[in-house]
PDB file of N, CA and C in Angstrom:
ATOM      1  N   UNK A   1     -10.974 -11.120  -7.792  1.00  0.00           N
ATOM      2  CA  UNK A   1     -10.213 -12.028  -8.608  1.00  0.00           C
ATOM      3  C   UNK A   1     -10.095 -11.431  -9.997  1.00  0.00           C
ATOM      4  N   UNK A   2      -8.919 -11.518 -10.568  1.00  0.00           N
ATOM      5  CA  UNK A   2      -8.646 -11.027 -11.903  1.00  0.00           C
ATOM      6  C   UNK A   2      -8.203 -12.206 -12.740  1.00  0.00           C
ATOM      7  N   UNK A   3      -8.833 -12.367 -13.879  1.00  0.00           N
ATOM      8  CA  UNK A   3      -8.377 -13.436 -14.754  1.00  0.00           C
ATOM      9  C   UNK A   3      -8.700 -13.095 -16.194  1.00  0.00           C
ATOM     10  N   UNK A   4      -7.712 -13.284 -17.065  1.00  0.00           N
ATOM     11  CA  UNK A   4      -7.984 -13.063 -18.477  1.00  0.00           C
ATOM     12  C   UNK A   4      -8.683 -14.284 -19.071  1.00  0.00           C
ATOM     13  N   UNK A   5      -9.676 -14.058 -19.893  1.00  0.00           N
ATOM     14  CA  UNK A   5     -10.334 -15.139 -20.622  1.00  0.00           C
ATOM     15  C   UNK A   5     -10.145 -14.794 -22.095  1.00  0.00           C
ATOM     16  N   UNK A   6      -9.205 -15.470 -22.729  1.00  0.00           N
ATOM     17  CA  UNK A   6      -8.857 -15.095 -24.092  1.00  0.00           C
ATOM     18  C   UNK A   6      -8.311 -13.685 -24.067  1.00  0.00           C
ATOM     19  N   UNK A   7      -8.917 -12.809 -24.813  1.00  0.00           N
ATOM     20  CA  UNK A   7      -8.488 -11.406 -24.816  1.00  0.00           C
ATOM     21  C   UNK A   7      -9.352 -10.544 -23.912  1.00  0.00           C
ATOM     22  N   UNK A   8     -10.346 -11.156 -23.300  1.00  0.00           N
ATOM     23  CA  UNK A   8     -11.266 -10.424 -22.434  1.00  0.00           C
ATOM     24  C   UNK A   8     -10.787 -10.509 -20.994  1.00  0.00           C
ATOM     25  N   UNK A   9     -10.767  -9.388 -20.308  1.00  0.00           N
ATOM     26  CA  UNK A   9     -10.378  -9.352 -18.900  1.00  0.00           C
ATOM     27  C   UNK A   9     -11.636  -9.351 -18.056  1.00  0.00           C
ATOM     28  N   UNK A  10     -11.663 -10.228 -17.073  1.00  0.00           N
ATOM     29  CA  UNK A  10     -12.813 -10.326 -16.191  1.00  0.00           C
ATOM     30  C   UNK A  10     -12.360 -10.014 -14.775  1.00  0.00           C
ATOM     31  N   UNK A  11     -13.070  -9.119 -14.109  1.00  0.00           N
ATOM     32  CA  UNK A  11     -12.792  -8.770 -12.719  1.00  0.00           C
ATOM     33  C   UNK A  11     -14.013  -9.139 -11.899  1.00  0.00           C
ATOM     34  N   UNK A  12     -13.793  -9.334 -10.610  1.00  0.00           N
ATOM     35  CA  UNK A  12     -14.954  -9.411  -9.738  1.00  0.00           C
ATOM     36  C   UNK A  12     -15.061  -8.066  -9.017  1.00  0.00           C
ATOM     37  N   UNK A  13     -16.119  -7.877  -8.284  1.00  0.00           N
ATOM     38  CA  UNK A  13     -16.372  -6.598  -7.637  1.00  0.00           C
ATOM     39  C   UNK A  13     -15.304  -6.183  -6.642  1.00  0.00           C
ATOM     40  N   UNK A  14     -14.733  -7.147  -5.952  1.00  0.00           N
ATOM     41  CA  UNK A  14     -13.688  -6.816  -4.972  1.00  0.00           C
ATOM     42  C   UNK A  14     -12.434  -6.289  -5.652  1.00  0.00           C
ATOM     43  N   UNK A  15     -12.053  -6.903  -6.774  1.00  0.00           N
ATOM     44  CA  UNK A  15     -10.881  -6.431  -7.517  1.00  0.00           C
ATOM     45  C   UNK A  15     -11.151  -5.052  -8.097  1.00  0.00           C
ATOM     46  N   UNK A  16     -12.362  -4.816  -8.607  1.00  0.00           N
ATOM     47  CA  UNK A  16     -12.714  -3.496  -9.112  1.00  0.00           C
ATOM     48  C   UNK A  16     -12.579  -2.455  -7.999  1.00  0.00           C
ATOM     49  N   UNK A  17     -13.059  -2.790  -6.809  1.00  0.00           N
ATOM     50  CA  UNK A  17     -12.989  -1.869  -5.673  1.00  0.00           C
ATOM     51  C   UNK A  17     -11.545  -1.585  -5.297  1.00  0.00           C
ATOM     52  N   UNK A  18     -10.702  -2.615  -5.263  1.00  0.00           N
ATOM     53  CA  UNK A  18      -9.283  -2.411  -4.949  1.00  0.00           C
ATOM     54  C   UNK A  18      -8.608  -1.505  -5.972  1.00  0.00           C
ATOM     55  N   UNK A  19      -8.882  -1.767  -7.245  1.00  0.00           N
ATOM     56  CA  UNK A  19      -8.270  -0.950  -8.296  1.00  0.00           C
ATOM     57  C   UNK A  19      -8.785   0.486  -8.259  1.00  0.00           C
ATOM     58  N   UNK A  20     -10.062   0.665  -7.984  1.00  0.00           N
ATOM     59  CA  UNK A  20     -10.627   2.010  -7.887  1.00  0.00           C
ATOM     60  C   UNK A  20     -10.000   2.769  -6.721  1.00  0.00           C
ATOM     61  N   UNK A  21      -9.766   2.079  -5.619  1.00  0.00           N
ATOM     62  CA  UNK A  21      -9.130   2.713  -4.458  1.00  0.00           C
ATOM     63  C   UNK A  21      -7.704   3.143  -4.788  1.00  0.00           C
ATOM     64  N   UNK A  22      -6.955   2.258  -5.468  1.00  0.00           N
ATOM     65  CA  UNK A  22      -5.587   2.591  -5.879  1.00  0.00           C
ATOM     66  C   UNK A  22      -5.581   3.783  -6.835  1.00  0.00           C
ATOM     67  N   UNK A  23      -6.503   3.765  -7.791  1.00  0.00           N
ATOM     68  CA  UNK A  23      -6.585   4.871  -8.749  1.00  0.00           C
ATOM     69  C   UNK A  23      -6.891   6.181  -8.029  1.00  0.00           C
ATOM     70  N   UNK A  24      -7.849   6.164  -7.122  1.00  0.00           N
ATOM     71  CA  UNK A  24      -8.229   7.379  -6.388  1.00  0.00           C
ATOM     72  C   UNK A  24      -7.044   7.922  -5.598  1.00  0.00           C
ATOM     73  N   UNK A  25      -6.285   7.048  -4.992  1.00  0.00           N
ATOM     74  CA  UNK A  25      -5.121   7.482  -4.209  1.00  0.00           C
ATOM     75  C   UNK A  25      -4.087   8.143  -5.119  1.00  0.00           C
ATOM     76  N   UNK A  26      -3.802   7.503  -6.267  1.00  0.00           N
ATOM     77  CA  UNK A  26      -2.822   8.070  -7.206  1.00  0.00           C
ATOM     78  C   UNK A  26      -3.294   9.402  -7.769  1.00  0.00           C
ATOM     79  N   UNK A  27      -4.597   9.529  -8.020  1.00  0.00           N
ATOM     80  CA  UNK A  27      -5.152  10.742  -8.620  1.00  0.00           C
ATOM     81  C   UNK A  27      -5.480  11.818  -7.590  1.00  0.00           C
ATOM     82  N   UNK A  28      -5.340  11.495  -6.301  1.00  0.00           N
ATOM     83  CA  UNK A  28      -5.648  12.464  -5.257  1.00  0.00           C
ATOM     84  C   UNK A  28      -7.139  12.705  -5.073  1.00  0.00           C
ATOM     85  N   UNK A  29      -7.941  11.677  -5.344  1.00  0.00           N
ATOM     86  CA  UNK A  29      -9.390  11.780  -5.210  1.00  0.00           C
ATOM     87  C   UNK A  29      -9.865  11.056  -3.961  1.00  0.00           C
ATOM     88  N   UNK A  30     -11.031  11.454  -3.468  1.00  0.00           N
ATOM     89  CA  UNK A  30     -11.637  10.758  -2.331  1.00  0.00           C
ATOM     90  C   UNK A  30     -12.168   9.408  -2.800  1.00  0.00           C
ATOM     91  N   UNK A  31     -12.144   8.425  -1.898  1.00  0.00           N
ATOM     92  CA  UNK A  31     -12.658   7.096  -2.202  1.00  0.00           C
ATOM     93  C   UNK A  31     -13.493   6.609  -1.031  1.00  0.00           C
ATOM     94  N   UNK A  32     -14.655   6.019  -1.347  1.00  0.00           N
ATOM     95  CA  UNK A  32     -15.482   5.378  -0.319  1.00  0.00           C
ATOM     96  C   UNK A  32     -16.170   4.173  -0.922  1.00  0.00           C
ATOM     97  N   UNK A  33     -16.368   3.144  -0.114  1.00  0.00           N
ATOM     98  CA  UNK A  33     -17.189   2.002  -0.491  1.00  0.00           C
ATOM     99  C   UNK A  33     -18.255   1.858   0.581  1.00  0.00           C
ATOM    100  N   UNK A  34     -19.514   1.840   0.150  1.00  0.00           N
ATOM    101  CA  UNK A  34     -20.626   1.731   1.087  1.00  0.00           C
ATOM    102  C   UNK A  34     -21.439   0.503   0.706  1.00  0.00           C
ATOM    103  N   UNK A  35     -21.340  -0.548   1.527  1.00  0.00           N
ATOM    104  CA  UNK A  35     -22.025  -1.805   1.230  1.00  0.00           C
ATOM    105  C   UNK A  35     -23.543  -1.677   1.354  1.00  0.00           C
ATOM    106  N   UNK A  36     -24.013  -0.893   2.284  1.00  0.00           N
ATOM    107  CA  UNK A  36     -25.456  -0.820   2.536  1.00  0.00           C
ATOM    108  C   UNK A  36     -26.207  -0.027   1.462  1.00  0.00           C
ATOM    109  N   UNK A  37     -25.505   0.624   0.562  1.00  0.00           N
ATOM    110  CA  UNK A  37     -26.161   1.403  -0.489  1.00  0.00           C
ATOM    111  C   UNK A  37     -26.634   0.538  -1.653  1.00  0.00           C
ATOM    112  N   UNK A  38     -26.191  -0.714  -1.714  1.00  0.00           N
ATOM    113  CA  UNK A  38     -26.606  -1.592  -2.796  1.00  0.00           C
ATOM    114  C   UNK A  38     -27.541  -2.671  -2.282  1.00  0.00           C
ATOM    115  N   UNK A  39     -28.234  -3.312  -3.183  1.00  0.00           N
ATOM    116  CA  UNK A  39     -29.136  -4.393  -2.793  1.00  0.00           C
ATOM    117  C   UNK A  39     -28.417  -5.728  -2.925  1.00  0.00           C
ATOM    118  N   UNK A  40     -28.696  -6.635  -2.019  1.00  0.00           N
ATOM    119  CA  UNK A  40     -28.115  -7.970  -2.093  1.00  0.00           C
ATOM    120  C   UNK A  40     -26.606  -7.941  -2.018  1.00  0.00           C
ATOM    121  N   UNK A  41     -25.961  -8.434  -3.051  1.00  0.00           N
ATOM    122  CA  UNK A  41     -24.499  -8.505  -3.054  1.00  0.00           C
ATOM    123  C   UNK A  41     -23.881  -7.307  -3.763  1.00  0.00           C
ATOM    124  N   UNK A  42     -24.589  -6.203  -3.835  1.00  0.00           N
ATOM    125  CA  UNK A  42     -24.091  -5.001  -4.481  1.00  0.00           C
ATOM    126  C   UNK A  42     -23.702  -3.958  -3.443  1.00  0.00           C
ATOM    127  N   UNK A  43     -22.766  -3.093  -3.817  1.00  0.00           N
ATOM    128  CA  UNK A  43     -22.363  -1.975  -2.979  1.00  0.00           C
ATOM    129  C   UNK A  43     -22.108  -0.770  -3.864  1.00  0.00           C
ATOM    130  N   UNK A  44     -21.865   0.363  -3.265  1.00  0.00           N
ATOM    131  CA  UNK A  44     -21.639   1.588  -4.021  1.00  0.00           C
ATOM    132  C   UNK A  44     -20.214   2.066  -3.791  1.00  0.00           C
ATOM    133  N   UNK A  45     -19.509   2.348  -4.878  1.00  0.00           N
ATOM    134  CA  UNK A  45     -18.146   2.858  -4.833  1.00  0.00           C
ATOM    135  C   UNK A  45     -18.178   4.316  -5.252  1.00  0.00           C
ATOM    136  N   UNK A  46     -17.588   5.178  -4.435  1.00  0.00           N
ATOM    137  CA  UNK A  46     -17.477   6.599  -4.732  1.00  0.00           C
ATOM    138  C   UNK A  46     -16.016   6.916  -5.029  1.00  0.00           C
ATOM    139  N   UNK A  47     -15.747   7.482  -6.193  1.00  0.00           N
ATOM    140  CA  UNK A  47     -14.402   7.931  -6.570  1.00  0.00           C
ATOM    141  C   UNK A  47     -14.536   9.390  -6.954  1.00  0.00           C
ATOM    142  N   UNK A  48     -13.923  10.261  -6.150  1.00  0.00           N
ATOM    143  CA  UNK A  48     -14.095  11.684  -6.385  1.00  0.00           C
ATOM    144  C   UNK A  48     -15.547  12.048  -6.160  1.00  0.00           C
ATOM    145  N   UNK A  49     -16.147  12.750  -7.074  1.00  0.00           N
ATOM    146  CA  UNK A  49     -17.544  13.137  -6.948  1.00  0.00           C
ATOM    147  C   UNK A  49     -18.494  12.208  -7.675  1.00  0.00           C
ATOM    148  N   UNK A  50     -18.007  11.080  -8.157  1.00  0.00           N
ATOM    149  CA  UNK A  50     -18.837  10.156  -8.934  1.00  0.00           C
ATOM    150  C   UNK A  50     -18.988   8.833  -8.210  1.00  0.00           C
ATOM    151  N   UNK A  51     -20.085   8.131  -8.503  1.00  0.00           N
ATOM    152  CA  UNK A  51     -20.310   6.843  -7.846  1.00  0.00           C
ATOM    153  C   UNK A  51     -20.770   5.806  -8.857  1.00  0.00           C
ATOM    154  N   UNK A  52     -20.675   4.555  -8.471  1.00  0.00           N
ATOM    155  CA  UNK A  52     -21.160   3.452  -9.285  1.00  0.00           C
ATOM    156  C   UNK A  52     -21.558   2.293  -8.385  1.00  0.00           C
ATOM    157  N   UNK A  53     -22.501   1.507  -8.850  1.00  0.00           N
ATOM    158  CA  UNK A  53     -22.897   0.302  -8.133  1.00  0.00           C
ATOM    159  C   UNK A  53     -21.992  -0.832  -8.593  1.00  0.00           C
ATOM    160  N   UNK A  54     -21.477  -1.604  -7.648  1.00  0.00           N
ATOM    161  CA  UNK A  54     -20.576  -2.710  -7.960  1.00  0.00           C
ATOM    162  C   UNK A  54     -21.167  -3.998  -7.407  1.00  0.00           C
ATOM    163  N   UNK A  55     -21.186  -5.023  -8.233  1.00  0.00           N
ATOM    164  CA  UNK A  55     -21.625  -6.337  -7.770  1.00  0.00           C
ATOM    165  C   UNK A  55     -20.407  -7.163  -7.383  1.00  0.00           C
ATOM    166  N   UNK A  56     -20.585  -8.153  -6.538  1.00  0.00           N
ATOM    167  CA  UNK A  56     -19.461  -8.972  -6.095  1.00  0.00           C
ATOM    168  C   UNK A  56     -19.047 -10.020  -7.111  1.00  0.00           C
ATOM    169  N   UNK A  57     -19.959 -10.394  -7.979  1.00  0.00           N
ATOM    170  CA  UNK A  57     -19.640 -11.419  -8.964  1.00  0.00           C
ATOM    171  C   UNK A  57     -18.852 -10.811 -10.116  1.00  0.00           C
ATOM    172  N   UNK A  58     -18.580 -11.598 -11.132  1.00  0.00           N
ATOM    173  CA  UNK A  58     -17.739 -11.159 -12.234  1.00  0.00           C
ATOM    174  C   UNK A  58     -18.322  -9.956 -12.973  1.00  0.00           C
ATOM    175  N   UNK A  59     -17.419  -9.082 -13.371  1.00  0.00           N
ATOM    176  CA  UNK A  59     -17.765  -7.909 -14.165  1.00  0.00           C
ATOM    177  C   UNK A  59     -17.141  -8.130 -15.534  1.00  0.00           C
ATOM    178  N   UNK A  60     -17.953  -8.247 -16.549  1.00  0.00           N
ATOM    179  CA  UNK A  60     -17.467  -8.494 -17.904  1.00  0.00           C
ATOM    180  C   UNK A  60     -16.864  -7.239 -18.526  1.00  0.00           C
ATOM    181  N   UNK A  61     -16.268  -7.400 -19.681  1.00  0.00           N
ATOM    182  CA  UNK A  61     -15.577  -6.315 -20.365  1.00  0.00           C
ATOM    183  C   UNK A  61     -16.498  -5.142 -20.679  1.00  0.00           C
ATOM    184  N   UNK A  62     -17.686  -5.408 -21.201  1.00  0.00           N
ATOM    185  CA  UNK A  62     -18.605  -4.329 -21.561  1.00  0.00           C
ATOM    186  C   UNK A  62     -19.034  -3.502 -20.364  1.00  0.00           C
ATOM    187  N   UNK A  63     -19.389  -4.175 -19.278  1.00  0.00           N
ATOM    188  CA  UNK A  63     -19.789  -3.473 -18.063  1.00  0.00           C
ATOM    189  C   UNK A  63     -18.611  -2.709 -17.465  1.00  0.00           C
ATOM    190  N   UNK A  64     -17.431  -3.315 -17.470  1.00  0.00           N
ATOM    191  CA  UNK A  64     -16.230  -2.652 -16.948  1.00  0.00           C
ATOM    192  C   UNK A  64     -15.942  -1.385 -17.745  1.00  0.00           C
ATOM    193  N   UNK A  65     -15.985  -1.478 -19.073  1.00  0.00           N
ATOM    194  CA  UNK A  65     -15.746  -0.298 -19.911  1.00  0.00           C
ATOM    195  C   UNK A  65     -16.750   0.806 -19.605  1.00  0.00           C
ATOM    196  N   UNK A  66     -18.008   0.432 -19.430  1.00  0.00           N
ATOM    197  CA  UNK A  66     -19.055   1.399 -19.129  1.00  0.00           C
ATOM    198  C   UNK A  66     -18.840   2.056 -17.764  1.00  0.00           C
ATOM    199  N   UNK A  67     -18.466   1.252 -16.776  1.00  0.00           N
ATOM    200  CA  UNK A  67     -18.246   1.790 -15.431  1.00  0.00           C
ATOM    201  C   UNK A  67     -17.073   2.774 -15.427  1.00  0.00           C
ATOM    202  N   UNK A  68     -16.006   2.444 -16.129  1.00  0.00           N
ATOM    203  CA  UNK A  68     -14.847   3.336 -16.190  1.00  0.00           C
ATOM    204  C   UNK A  68     -15.185   4.618 -16.946  1.00  0.00           C
ATOM    205  N   UNK A  69     -15.926   4.491 -18.034  1.00  0.00           N
ATOM    206  CA  UNK A  69     -16.301   5.669 -18.816  1.00  0.00           C
ATOM    207  C   UNK A  69     -17.183   6.604 -17.996  1.00  0.00           C
ATOM    208  N   UNK A  70     -18.154   6.052 -17.291  1.00  0.00           N
ATOM    209  CA  UNK A  70     -19.054   6.873 -16.470  1.00  0.00           C
ATOM    210  C   UNK A  70     -18.303   7.583 -15.347  1.00  0.00           C
ATOM    211  N   UNK A  71     -17.260   6.989 -14.821  1.00  0.00           N
ATOM    212  CA  UNK A  71     -16.486   7.592 -13.744  1.00  0.00           C
ATOM    213  C   UNK A  71     -15.358   8.461 -14.264  1.00  0.00           C
ATOM    214  N   UNK A  72     -15.219   8.519 -15.599  1.00  0.00           N
ATOM    215  CA  UNK A  72     -14.140   9.271 -16.249  1.00  0.00           C
ATOM    216  C   UNK A  72     -12.767   8.785 -15.794  1.00  0.00           C
ATOM    217  N   UNK A  73     -12.614   7.475 -15.678  1.00  0.00           N
ATOM    218  CA  UNK A  73     -11.336   6.862 -15.307  1.00  0.00           C
ATOM    219  C   UNK A  73     -10.717   6.299 -16.572  1.00  0.00           C
ATOM    220  N   UNK A  74      -9.520   6.766 -16.938  1.00  0.00           N
ATOM    221  CA  UNK A  74      -8.859   6.216 -18.126  1.00  0.00           C
ATOM    222  C   UNK A  74      -8.564   4.730 -17.929  1.00  0.00           C
ATOM    223  N   UNK A  75      -8.849   3.950 -18.943  1.00  0.00           N
ATOM    224  CA  UNK A  75      -8.667   2.491 -18.837  1.00  0.00           C
ATOM    225  C   UNK A  75      -7.200   2.141 -18.574  1.00  0.00           C
ATOM    226  N   UNK A  76      -6.279   2.907 -19.145  1.00  0.00           N
ATOM    227  CA  UNK A  76      -4.847   2.644 -18.962  1.00  0.00           C
ATOM    228  C   UNK A  76      -4.406   2.854 -17.511  1.00  0.00           C
ATOM    229  N   UNK A  77      -5.037   3.785 -16.810  1.00  0.00           N
ATOM    230  CA  UNK A  77      -4.683   4.082 -15.421  1.00  0.00           C
ATOM    231  C   UNK A  77      -5.317   3.144 -14.434  1.00  0.00           C
ATOM    232  N   UNK A  78      -6.300   2.381 -14.882  1.00  0.00           N
ATOM    233  CA  UNK A  78      -7.028   1.504 -13.992  1.00  0.00           C
ATOM    234  C   UNK A  78      -6.342   0.162 -13.942  1.00  0.00           C
TER     235      UNK A  78
END
């Protein structure tokens, strides 16, 4: 689910995964999601040679910015 709250954009883990998959396809990178790699409601998303843990609940702006920076994904392309 994607919803703006004021000027802050909030995504849930499923929307992050969908957007990461779209980005990987456009950039010609490999994409994988492995649910069993995370604990509880978490999973691991692999984009290219990098990975991140994704939770199913809401991802706030600060965490989203950090996840994109760590994966070297430009915010404009995501």
